[in-house]
Amino acid sequence: MKARIYQPAKNAMQSGTANTHQWVLEFEPETAKVIDPLMGWTGSHDMRGQIRMKFATREEAEAYAQRNSLPFEVLPAQKKKRHLQAYSDNFK
């Protein structure tokens, strides 16, 4: 029942940085996913896997976990790589 606190990465399908400034608290799965033999759907008996809470800062997420006595792990934020180049550099 350990919680993970992290800042999500930018979606590959978006060019902007929307929804990447918040911190997310998610629970690690307690059990493995189960494949339904009839339909082939993937399911789980773990209801905490559906919980995803968003916080404005890392400190707020940590305070929530401490208030509710949740063991947690903070994953470091990924550094954003920016490759700035002018359009004319394509023709060098």
PDB file of N, CA and C in Angstrom:
ATOM      1  N   MET A   1       0.825  -1.178   0.000  1.00  0.00           N
ATOM      2  CA  MET A   1       0.000   0.000   0.000  1.00  0.00           C
ATOM      3  C   MET A   1       0.876   1.250   0.000  1.00  0.00           C
ATOM      4  N   LYS A   2       1.976   1.198  -0.676  1.00  0.00           N
ATOM      5  CA  LYS A   2       2.895   2.322  -0.748  1.00  0.00           C
ATOM      6  C   LYS A   2       2.423   3.295  -1.825  1.00  0.00           C
ATOM      7  N   ALA A   3       2.552   4.570  -1.551  1.00  0.00           N
ATOM      8  CA  ALA A   3       2.143   5.597  -2.503  1.00  0.00           C
ATOM      9  C   ALA A   3       3.368   6.170  -3.206  1.00  0.00           C
ATOM     10  N   ARG A   4       3.152   6.559  -4.456  1.00  0.00           N
ATOM     11  CA  ARG A   4       4.204   7.218  -5.240  1.00  0.00           C
ATOM     12  C   ARG A   4       3.797   8.669  -5.469  1.00  0.00           C
ATOM     13  N   ILE A   5       4.721   9.577  -5.255  1.00  0.00           N
ATOM     14  CA  ILE A   5       4.487  10.991  -5.517  1.00  0.00           C
ATOM     15  C   ILE A   5       5.479  11.402  -6.600  1.00  0.00           C
ATOM     16  N   TYR A   6       4.942  11.918  -7.708  1.00  0.00           N
ATOM     17  CA  TYR A   6       5.809  12.291  -8.823  1.00  0.00           C
ATOM     18  C   TYR A   6       5.172  13.404  -9.642  1.00  0.00           C
ATOM     19  N   GLN A   7       5.976  14.004 -10.496  1.00  0.00           N
ATOM     20  CA  GLN A   7       5.502  15.026 -11.412  1.00  0.00           C
ATOM     21  C   GLN A   7       5.455  14.383 -12.798  1.00  0.00           C
ATOM     22  N   PRO A   8       4.267  14.293 -13.431  1.00  0.00           N
ATOM     23  CA  PRO A   8       4.155  13.561 -14.695  1.00  0.00           C
ATOM     24  C   PRO A   8       4.932  14.234 -15.820  1.00  0.00           C
ATOM     25  N   ALA A   9       5.387  13.404 -16.754  1.00  0.00           N
ATOM     26  CA  ALA A   9       6.112  13.904 -17.914  1.00  0.00           C
ATOM     27  C   ALA A   9       5.128  14.420 -18.957  1.00  0.00           C
ATOM     28  N   LYS A  10       5.630  15.165 -19.895  1.00  0.00           N
ATOM     29  CA  LYS A  10       4.818  15.703 -20.971  1.00  0.00           C
ATOM     30  C   LYS A  10       4.356  14.570 -21.873  1.00  0.00           C
ATOM     31  N   ASN A  11       3.125  14.630 -22.294  1.00  0.00           N
ATOM     32  CA  ASN A  11       2.579  13.640 -23.213  1.00  0.00           C
ATOM     33  C   ASN A  11       3.258  13.784 -24.567  1.00  0.00           C
ATOM     34  N   ALA A  12       3.556  12.680 -25.218  1.00  0.00           N
ATOM     35  CA  ALA A  12       4.227  12.733 -26.518  1.00  0.00           C
ATOM     36  C   ALA A  12       3.340  13.326 -27.605  1.00  0.00           C
ATOM     37  N   MET A  13       2.050  13.341 -27.371  1.00  0.00           N
ATOM     38  CA  MET A  13       1.124  13.835 -28.378  1.00  0.00           C
ATOM     39  C   MET A  13       0.837  15.325 -28.236  1.00  0.00           C
ATOM     40  N   GLN A  14       1.436  15.997 -27.296  1.00  0.00           N
ATOM     41  CA  GLN A  14       1.187  17.417 -27.116  1.00  0.00           C
ATOM     42  C   GLN A  14       2.484  18.193 -27.235  1.00  0.00           C
ATOM     43  N   SER A  15       2.380  19.390 -27.764  1.00  0.00           N
ATOM     44  CA  SER A  15       3.579  20.200 -27.914  1.00  0.00           C
ATOM     45  C   SER A  15       3.793  21.111 -26.717  1.00  0.00           C
ATOM     46  N   GLY A  16       2.749  21.397 -25.962  1.00  0.00           N
ATOM     47  CA  GLY A  16       2.856  22.270 -24.806  1.00  0.00           C
ATOM     48  C   GLY A  16       3.188  21.502 -23.546  1.00  0.00           C
ATOM     49  N   THR A  17       3.222  22.223 -22.454  1.00  0.00           N
ATOM     50  CA  THR A  17       3.555  21.606 -21.169  1.00  0.00           C
ATOM     51  C   THR A  17       2.361  21.630 -20.219  1.00  0.00           C
ATOM     52  N   ALA A  18       1.145  21.586 -20.758  1.00  0.00           N
ATOM     53  CA  ALA A  18      -0.048  21.583 -19.915  1.00  0.00           C
ATOM     54  C   ALA A  18      -0.094  20.299 -19.091  1.00  0.00           C
ATOM     55  N   ASN A  19      -0.613  20.387 -17.888  1.00  0.00           N
ATOM     56  CA  ASN A  19      -0.781  19.258 -16.962  1.00  0.00           C
ATOM     57  C   ASN A  19       0.543  18.621 -16.540  1.00  0.00           C
ATOM     58  N   THR A  20       1.642  19.332 -16.641  1.00  0.00           N
ATOM     59  CA  THR A  20       2.919  18.789 -16.192  1.00  0.00           C
ATOM     60  C   THR A  20       3.464  19.546 -14.987  1.00  0.00           C
ATOM     61  N   HIS A  21       2.734  20.515 -14.492  1.00  0.00           N
ATOM     62  CA  HIS A  21       3.224  21.315 -13.369  1.00  0.00           C
ATOM     63  C   HIS A  21       2.680  20.820 -12.035  1.00  0.00           C
ATOM     64  N   GLN A  22       1.728  19.896 -12.069  1.00  0.00           N
ATOM     65  CA  GLN A  22       1.146  19.377 -10.844  1.00  0.00           C
ATOM     66  C   GLN A  22       1.908  18.145 -10.376  1.00  0.00           C
ATOM     67  N   TRP A  23       1.725  17.817  -9.107  1.00  0.00           N
ATOM     68  CA  TRP A  23       2.306  16.609  -8.530  1.00  0.00           C
ATOM     69  C   TRP A  23       1.186  15.601  -8.330  1.00  0.00           C
ATOM     70  N   VAL A  24       1.468  14.331  -8.593  1.00  0.00           N
ATOM     71  CA  VAL A  24       0.462  13.269  -8.556  1.00  0.00           C
ATOM     72  C   VAL A  24       0.815  12.272  -7.461  1.00  0.00           C
ATOM     73  N   LEU A  25      -0.204  11.848  -6.712  1.00  0.00           N
ATOM     74  CA  LEU A  25      -0.050  10.792  -5.721  1.00  0.00           C
ATOM     75  C   LEU A  25      -0.850   9.595  -6.219  1.00  0.00           C
ATOM     76  N   GLU A  26      -0.164   8.469  -6.450  1.00  0.00           N
ATOM     77  CA  GLU A  26      -0.791   7.225  -6.888  1.00  0.00           C
ATOM     78  C   GLU A  26      -0.324   6.099  -5.981  1.00  0.00           C
ATOM     79  N   PHE A  27      -1.132   5.071  -5.883  1.00  0.00           N
ATOM     80  CA  PHE A  27      -0.766   3.903  -5.100  1.00  0.00           C
ATOM     81  C   PHE A  27      -0.143   2.845  -6.000  1.00  0.00           C
ATOM     82  N   GLU A  28       0.893   2.190  -5.495  1.00  0.00           N
ATOM     83  CA  GLU A  28       1.489   1.081  -6.233  1.00  0.00           C
ATOM     84  C   GLU A  28       0.526  -0.104  -6.191  1.00  0.00           C
ATOM     85  N   PRO A  29       0.453  -0.894  -7.250  1.00  0.00           N
ATOM     86  CA  PRO A  29      -0.470  -2.030  -7.253  1.00  0.00           C
ATOM     87  C   PRO A  29      -0.049  -3.094  -6.244  1.00  0.00           C
ATOM     88  N   GLU A  30      -1.043  -3.600  -5.506  1.00  0.00           N
ATOM     89  CA  GLU A  30      -0.772  -4.643  -4.507  1.00  0.00           C
ATOM     90  C   GLU A  30      -0.752  -6.025  -5.145  1.00  0.00           C
ATOM     91  N   THR A  31      -1.583  -6.214  -6.160  1.00  0.00           N
ATOM     92  CA  THR A  31      -1.651  -7.508  -6.838  1.00  0.00           C
ATOM     93  C   THR A  31      -1.445  -7.301  -8.329  1.00  0.00           C
ATOM     94  N   ALA A  32      -1.105  -8.384  -9.000  1.00  0.00           N
ATOM     95  CA  ALA A  32      -0.898  -8.310 -10.446  1.00  0.00           C
ATOM     96  C   ALA A  32      -2.243  -8.237 -11.163  1.00  0.00           C
ATOM     97  N   LYS A  33      -2.223  -7.740 -12.376  1.00  0.00           N
ATOM     98  CA  LYS A  33      -3.433  -7.684 -13.191  1.00  0.00           C
ATOM     99  C   LYS A  33      -3.840  -9.099 -13.580  1.00  0.00           C
ATOM    100  N   VAL A  34      -5.139  -9.300 -13.736  1.00  0.00           N
ATOM    101  CA  VAL A  34      -5.692 -10.611 -14.070  1.00  0.00           C
ATOM    102  C   VAL A  34      -6.340 -10.531 -15.444  1.00  0.00           C
ATOM    103  N   ILE A  35      -6.069 -11.507 -16.296  1.00  0.00           N
ATOM    104  CA  ILE A  35      -6.674 -11.547 -17.624  1.00  0.00           C
ATOM    105  C   ILE A  35      -7.897 -12.457 -17.573  1.00  0.00           C
ATOM    106  N   ASP A  36      -9.034 -11.924 -18.007  1.00  0.00           N
ATOM    107  CA  ASP A  36     -10.266 -12.697 -18.034  1.00  0.00           C
ATOM    108  C   ASP A  36     -10.163 -13.754 -19.135  1.00  0.00           C
ATOM    109  N   PRO A  37     -10.371 -15.042 -18.810  1.00  0.00           N
ATOM    110  CA  PRO A  37     -10.187 -16.078 -19.825  1.00  0.00           C
ATOM    111  C   PRO A  37     -11.238 -16.045 -20.937  1.00  0.00           C
ATOM    112  N   LEU A  38     -12.420 -15.537 -20.662  1.00  0.00           N
ATOM    113  CA  LEU A  38     -13.473 -15.531 -21.664  1.00  0.00           C
ATOM    114  C   LEU A  38     -13.329 -14.375 -22.651  1.00  0.00           C
ATOM    115  N   MET A  39     -13.210 -13.166 -22.139  1.00  0.00           N
ATOM    116  CA  MET A  39     -13.178 -11.986 -22.999  1.00  0.00           C
ATOM    117  C   MET A  39     -11.769 -11.472 -23.269  1.00  0.00           C
ATOM    118  N   GLY A  40     -10.808 -11.837 -22.439  1.00  0.00           N
ATOM    119  CA  GLY A  40      -9.448 -11.358 -22.629  1.00  0.00           C
ATOM    120  C   GLY A  40      -9.205  -9.983 -22.048  1.00  0.00           C
ATOM    121  N   TRP A  41     -10.162  -9.453 -21.294  1.00  0.00           N
ATOM    122  CA  TRP A  41      -9.996  -8.141 -20.684  1.00  0.00           C
ATOM    123  C   TRP A  41      -9.042  -8.226 -19.505  1.00  0.00           C
ATOM    124  N   THR A  42      -8.376  -7.124 -19.255  1.00  0.00           N
ATOM    125  CA  THR A  42      -7.459  -7.058 -18.121  1.00  0.00           C
ATOM    126  C   THR A  42      -8.163  -6.375 -16.966  1.00  0.00           C
ATOM    127  N   GLY A  43      -8.075  -6.973 -15.790  1.00  0.00           N
ATOM    128  CA  GLY A  43      -8.724  -6.398 -14.619  1.00  0.00           C
ATOM    129  C   GLY A  43      -7.873  -6.575 -13.387  1.00  0.00           C
ATOM    130  N   SER A  44      -8.356  -6.004 -12.305  1.00  0.00           N
ATOM    131  CA  SER A  44      -7.638  -6.091 -11.042  1.00  0.00           C
ATOM    132  C   SER A  44      -8.648  -6.043  -9.907  1.00  0.00           C
ATOM    133  N   HIS A  45      -8.295  -6.648  -8.798  1.00  0.00           N
ATOM    134  CA  HIS A  45      -9.136  -6.609  -7.615  1.00  0.00           C
ATOM    135  C   HIS A  45      -8.701  -5.484  -6.675  1.00  0.00           C
ATOM    136  N   ASP A  46      -7.701  -4.735  -7.080  1.00  0.00           N
ATOM    137  CA  ASP A  46      -7.145  -3.662  -6.266  1.00  0.00           C
ATOM    138  C   ASP A  46      -7.865  -2.354  -6.591  1.00  0.00           C
ATOM    139  N   MET A  47      -8.688  -1.859  -5.684  1.00  0.00           N
ATOM    140  CA  MET A  47      -9.455  -0.640  -5.934  1.00  0.00           C
ATOM    141  C   MET A  47      -8.596   0.626  -5.801  1.00  0.00           C
ATOM    142  N   ARG A  48      -7.497   0.523  -5.096  1.00  0.00           N
ATOM    143  CA  ARG A  48      -6.652   1.720  -4.927  1.00  0.00           C
ATOM    144  C   ARG A  48      -5.922   2.091  -6.216  1.00  0.00           C
ATOM    145  N   GLY A  49      -5.885   1.181  -7.173  1.00  0.00           N
ATOM    146  CA  GLY A  49      -5.260   1.488  -8.451  1.00  0.00           C
ATOM    147  C   GLY A  49      -6.027   2.521  -9.248  1.00  0.00           C
ATOM    148  N   GLN A  50      -7.262   2.790  -8.860  1.00  0.00           N
ATOM    149  CA  GLN A  50      -8.086   3.770  -9.566  1.00  0.00           C
ATOM    150  C   GLN A  50      -7.931   5.178  -8.997  1.00  0.00           C
ATOM    151  N   ILE A  51      -7.242   5.299  -7.883  1.00  0.00           N
ATOM    152  CA  ILE A  51      -7.104   6.603  -7.228  1.00  0.00           C
ATOM    153  C   ILE A  51      -5.876   7.321  -7.769  1.00  0.00           C
ATOM    154  N   ARG A  52      -6.090   8.541  -8.240  1.00  0.00           N
ATOM    155  CA  ARG A  52      -4.999   9.394  -8.708  1.00  0.00           C
ATOM    156  C   ARG A  52      -5.306  10.813  -8.244  1.00  0.00           C
ATOM    157  N   MET A  53      -4.541  11.282  -7.277  1.00  0.00           N
ATOM    158  CA  MET A  53      -4.788  12.598  -6.697  1.00  0.00           C
ATOM    159  C   MET A  53      -3.743  13.581  -7.189  1.00  0.00           C
ATOM    160  N   LYS A  54      -4.179  14.808  -7.505  1.00  0.00           N
ATOM    161  CA  LYS A  54      -3.282  15.846  -8.001  1.00  0.00           C
ATOM    162  C   LYS A  54      -3.143  16.945  -6.957  1.00  0.00           C
ATOM    163  N   PHE A  55      -1.904  17.437  -6.817  1.00  0.00           N
ATOM    164  CA  PHE A  55      -1.601  18.501  -5.865  1.00  0.00           C
ATOM    165  C   PHE A  55      -0.801  19.576  -6.580  1.00  0.00           C
ATOM    166  N   ALA A  56      -0.893  20.789  -6.090  1.00  0.00           N
ATOM    167  CA  ALA A  56      -0.179  21.907  -6.707  1.00  0.00           C
ATOM    168  C   ALA A  56       1.328  21.833  -6.437  1.00  0.00           C
ATOM    169  N   THR A  57       1.717  21.358  -5.254  1.00  0.00           N
ATOM    170  CA  THR A  57       3.136  21.285  -4.915  1.00  0.00           C
ATOM    171  C   THR A  57       3.469  19.916  -4.332  1.00  0.00           C
ATOM    172  N   ARG A  58       4.741  19.609  -4.326  1.00  0.00           N
ATOM    173  CA  ARG A  58       5.207  18.348  -3.748  1.00  0.00           C
ATOM    174  C   ARG A  58       4.965  18.318  -2.240  1.00  0.00           C
ATOM    175  N   GLU A  59       5.126  19.459  -1.594  1.00  0.00           N
ATOM    176  CA  GLU A  59       4.940  19.528  -0.151  1.00  0.00           C
ATOM    177  C   GLU A  59       3.493  19.220   0.246  1.00  0.00           C
ATOM    178  N   GLU A  60       2.534  19.666  -0.564  1.00  0.00           N
ATOM    179  CA  GLU A  60       1.129  19.364  -0.278  1.00  0.00           C
ATOM    180  C   GLU A  60       0.872  17.859  -0.367  1.00  0.00           C
ATOM    181  N   ALA A  61       1.444  17.219  -1.368  1.00  0.00           N
ATOM    182  CA  ALA A  61       1.263  15.772  -1.535  1.00  0.00           C
ATOM    183  C   ALA A  61       1.904  15.015  -0.375  1.00  0.00           C
ATOM    184  N   GLU A  62       3.093  15.433   0.035  1.00  0.00           N
ATOM    185  CA  GLU A  62       3.756  14.785   1.165  1.00  0.00           C
ATOM    186  C   GLU A  62       2.971  14.992   2.454  1.00  0.00           C
ATOM    187  N   ALA A  63       2.427  16.193   2.643  1.00  0.00           N
ATOM    188  CA  ALA A  63       1.651  16.474   3.852  1.00  0.00           C
ATOM    189  C   ALA A  63       0.386  15.617   3.890  1.00  0.00           C
ATOM    190  N   TYR A  64      -0.260  15.429   2.747  1.00  0.00           N
ATOM    191  CA  TYR A  64      -1.454  14.574   2.698  1.00  0.00           C
ATOM    192  C   TYR A  64      -1.096  13.134   3.073  1.00  0.00           C
ATOM    193  N   ALA A  65       0.009  12.632   2.521  1.00  0.00           N
ATOM    194  CA  ALA A  65       0.418  11.258   2.822  1.00  0.00           C
ATOM    195  C   ALA A  65       0.771  11.101   4.305  1.00  0.00           C
ATOM    196  N   GLN A  66       1.430  12.070   4.880  1.00  0.00           N
ATOM    197  CA  GLN A  66       1.791  11.999   6.302  1.00  0.00           C
ATOM    198  C   GLN A  66       0.567  12.117   7.203  1.00  0.00           C
ATOM    199  N   ARG A  67      -0.392  12.989   6.816  1.00  0.00           N
ATOM    200  CA  ARG A  67      -1.621  13.137   7.603  1.00  0.00           C
ATOM    201  C   ARG A  67      -2.422  11.838   7.656  1.00  0.00           C
ATOM    202  N   ASN A  68      -2.406  11.083   6.559  1.00  0.00           N
ATOM    203  CA  ASN A  68      -3.181   9.841   6.485  1.00  0.00           C
ATOM    204  C   ASN A  68      -2.334   8.604   6.753  1.00  0.00           C
ATOM    205  N   SER A  69      -1.139   8.776   7.273  1.00  0.00           N
ATOM    206  CA  SER A  69      -0.227   7.681   7.641  1.00  0.00           C
ATOM    207  C   SER A  69       0.035   6.729   6.475  1.00  0.00           C
ATOM    208  N   LEU A  70       0.276   7.290   5.303  1.00  0.00           N
ATOM    209  CA  LEU A  70       0.571   6.488   4.116  1.00  0.00           C
ATOM    210  C   LEU A  70       2.079   6.438   3.901  1.00  0.00           C
ATOM    211  N   PRO A  71       2.641   5.254   3.764  1.00  0.00           N
ATOM    212  CA  PRO A  71       4.059   5.216   3.377  1.00  0.00           C
ATOM    213  C   PRO A  71       4.177   5.693   1.929  1.00  0.00           C
ATOM    214  N   PHE A  72       5.148   6.548   1.657  1.00  0.00           N
ATOM    215  CA  PHE A  72       5.251   7.106   0.311  1.00  0.00           C
ATOM    216  C   PHE A  72       6.689   7.192  -0.141  1.00  0.00           C
ATOM    217  N   GLU A  73       6.832   7.323  -1.444  1.00  0.00           N
ATOM    218  CA  GLU A  73       8.138   7.479  -2.085  1.00  0.00           C
ATOM    219  C   GLU A  73       8.013   8.631  -3.068  1.00  0.00           C
ATOM    220  N   VAL A  74       8.950   9.567  -3.015  1.00  0.00           N
ATOM    221  CA  VAL A  74       8.936  10.707  -3.919  1.00  0.00           C
ATOM    222  C   VAL A  74       9.923  10.434  -5.045  1.00  0.00           C
ATOM    223  N   LEU A  75       9.410  10.422  -6.266  1.00  0.00           N
ATOM    224  CA  LEU A  75      10.261  10.235  -7.437  1.00  0.00           C
ATOM    225  C   LEU A  75      10.721  11.610  -7.909  1.00  0.00           C
ATOM    226  N   PRO A  76      11.999  11.777  -8.206  1.00  0.00           N
ATOM    227  CA  PRO A  76      12.494  13.102  -8.595  1.00  0.00           C
ATOM    228  C   PRO A  76      11.900  13.539  -9.931  1.00  0.00           C
ATOM    229  N   ALA A  77      11.726  14.829 -10.074  1.00  0.00           N
ATOM    230  CA  ALA A  77      11.202  15.384 -11.324  1.00  0.00           C
ATOM    231  C   ALA A  77      12.251  15.251 -12.425  1.00  0.00           C
ATOM    232  N   GLN A  78      11.805  14.913 -13.607  1.00  0.00           N
ATOM    233  CA  GLN A  78      12.711  14.757 -14.739  1.00  0.00           C
ATOM    234  C   GLN A  78      13.127  16.132 -15.267  1.00  0.00           C
ATOM    235  N   LYS A  79      14.371  16.254 -15.621  1.00  0.00           N
ATOM    236  CA  LYS A  79      14.869  17.495 -16.206  1.00  0.00           C
ATOM    237  C   LYS A  79      14.368  17.584 -17.650  1.00  0.00           C
ATOM    238  N   LYS A  80      13.914  18.771 -18.023  1.00  0.00           N
ATOM    239  CA  LYS A  80      13.404  18.973 -19.370  1.00  0.00           C
ATOM    240  C   LYS A  80      14.546  19.364 -20.286  1.00  0.00           C
ATOM    241  N   LYS A  81      14.715  18.604 -21.371  1.00  0.00           N
ATOM    242  CA  LYS A  81      15.749  18.916 -22.339  1.00  0.00           C
ATOM    243  C   LYS A  81      15.160  19.823 -23.408  1.00  0.00           C
ATOM    244  N   ARG A  82      15.820  20.917 -23.666  1.00  0.00           N
ATOM    245  CA  ARG A  82      15.351  21.835 -24.694  1.00  0.00           C
ATOM    246  C   ARG A  82      16.429  21.945 -25.749  1.00  0.00           C
ATOM    247  N   HIS A  83      16.038  21.709 -26.958  1.00  0.00           N
ATOM    248  CA  HIS A  83      16.963  21.803 -28.078  1.00  0.00           C
ATOM    249  C   HIS A  83      16.514  22.969 -28.936  1.00  0.00           C
ATOM    250  N   LEU A  84      17.086  24.127 -28.668  1.00  0.00           N
ATOM    251  CA  LEU A  84      16.713  25.332 -29.403  1.00  0.00           C
ATOM    252  C   LEU A  84      17.569  25.430 -30.650  1.00  0.00           C
ATOM    253  N   GLN A  85      16.901  25.634 -31.751  1.00  0.00           N
ATOM    254  CA  GLN A  85      17.628  25.792 -32.994  1.00  0.00           C
ATOM    255  C   GLN A  85      16.781  26.646 -33.918  1.00  0.00           C
ATOM    256  N   ALA A  86      17.434  27.386 -34.756  1.00  0.00           N
ATOM    257  CA  ALA A  86      16.732  28.241 -35.702  1.00  0.00           C
ATOM    258  C   ALA A  86      16.337  27.428 -36.939  1.00  0.00           C
ATOM    259  N   TYR A  87      15.332  27.893 -37.633  1.00  0.00           N
ATOM    260  CA  TYR A  87      14.870  27.219 -38.835  1.00  0.00           C
ATOM    261  C   TYR A  87      15.978  27.157 -39.885  1.00  0.00           C
ATOM    262  N   SER A  88      16.810  28.180 -39.927  1.00  0.00           N
ATOM    263  CA  SER A  88      17.869  28.225 -40.932  1.00  0.00           C
ATOM    264  C   SER A  88      18.958  27.159 -40.670  1.00  0.00           C
ATOM    265  N   ASP A  89      19.033  26.638 -39.451  1.00  0.00           N
ATOM    266  CA  ASP A  89      20.014  25.594 -39.138  1.00  0.00           C
ATOM    267  C   ASP A  89      19.716  24.304 -39.882  1.00  0.00           C
ATOM    268  N   ASN A  90      18.502  24.112 -40.373  1.00  0.00           N
ATOM    269  CA  ASN A  90      18.163  22.906 -41.142  1.00  0.00           C
ATOM    270  C   ASN A  90      18.858  22.856 -42.486  1.00  0.00           C
ATOM    271  N   PHE A  91      19.364  23.984 -42.962  1.00  0.00           N
ATOM    272  CA  PHE A  91      19.930  24.081 -44.309  1.00  0.00           C
ATOM    273  C   PHE A  91      21.430  24.310 -44.297  1.00  0.00           C
ATOM    274  N   LYS A  92      22.092  24.020 -43.201  1.00  0.00           N
ATOM    275  CA  LYS A  92      23.546  24.208 -43.119  1.00  0.00           C
ATOM    276  C   LYS A  92      24.266  23.102 -43.862  1.00  0.00           C
TER     277      LYS A  92
END
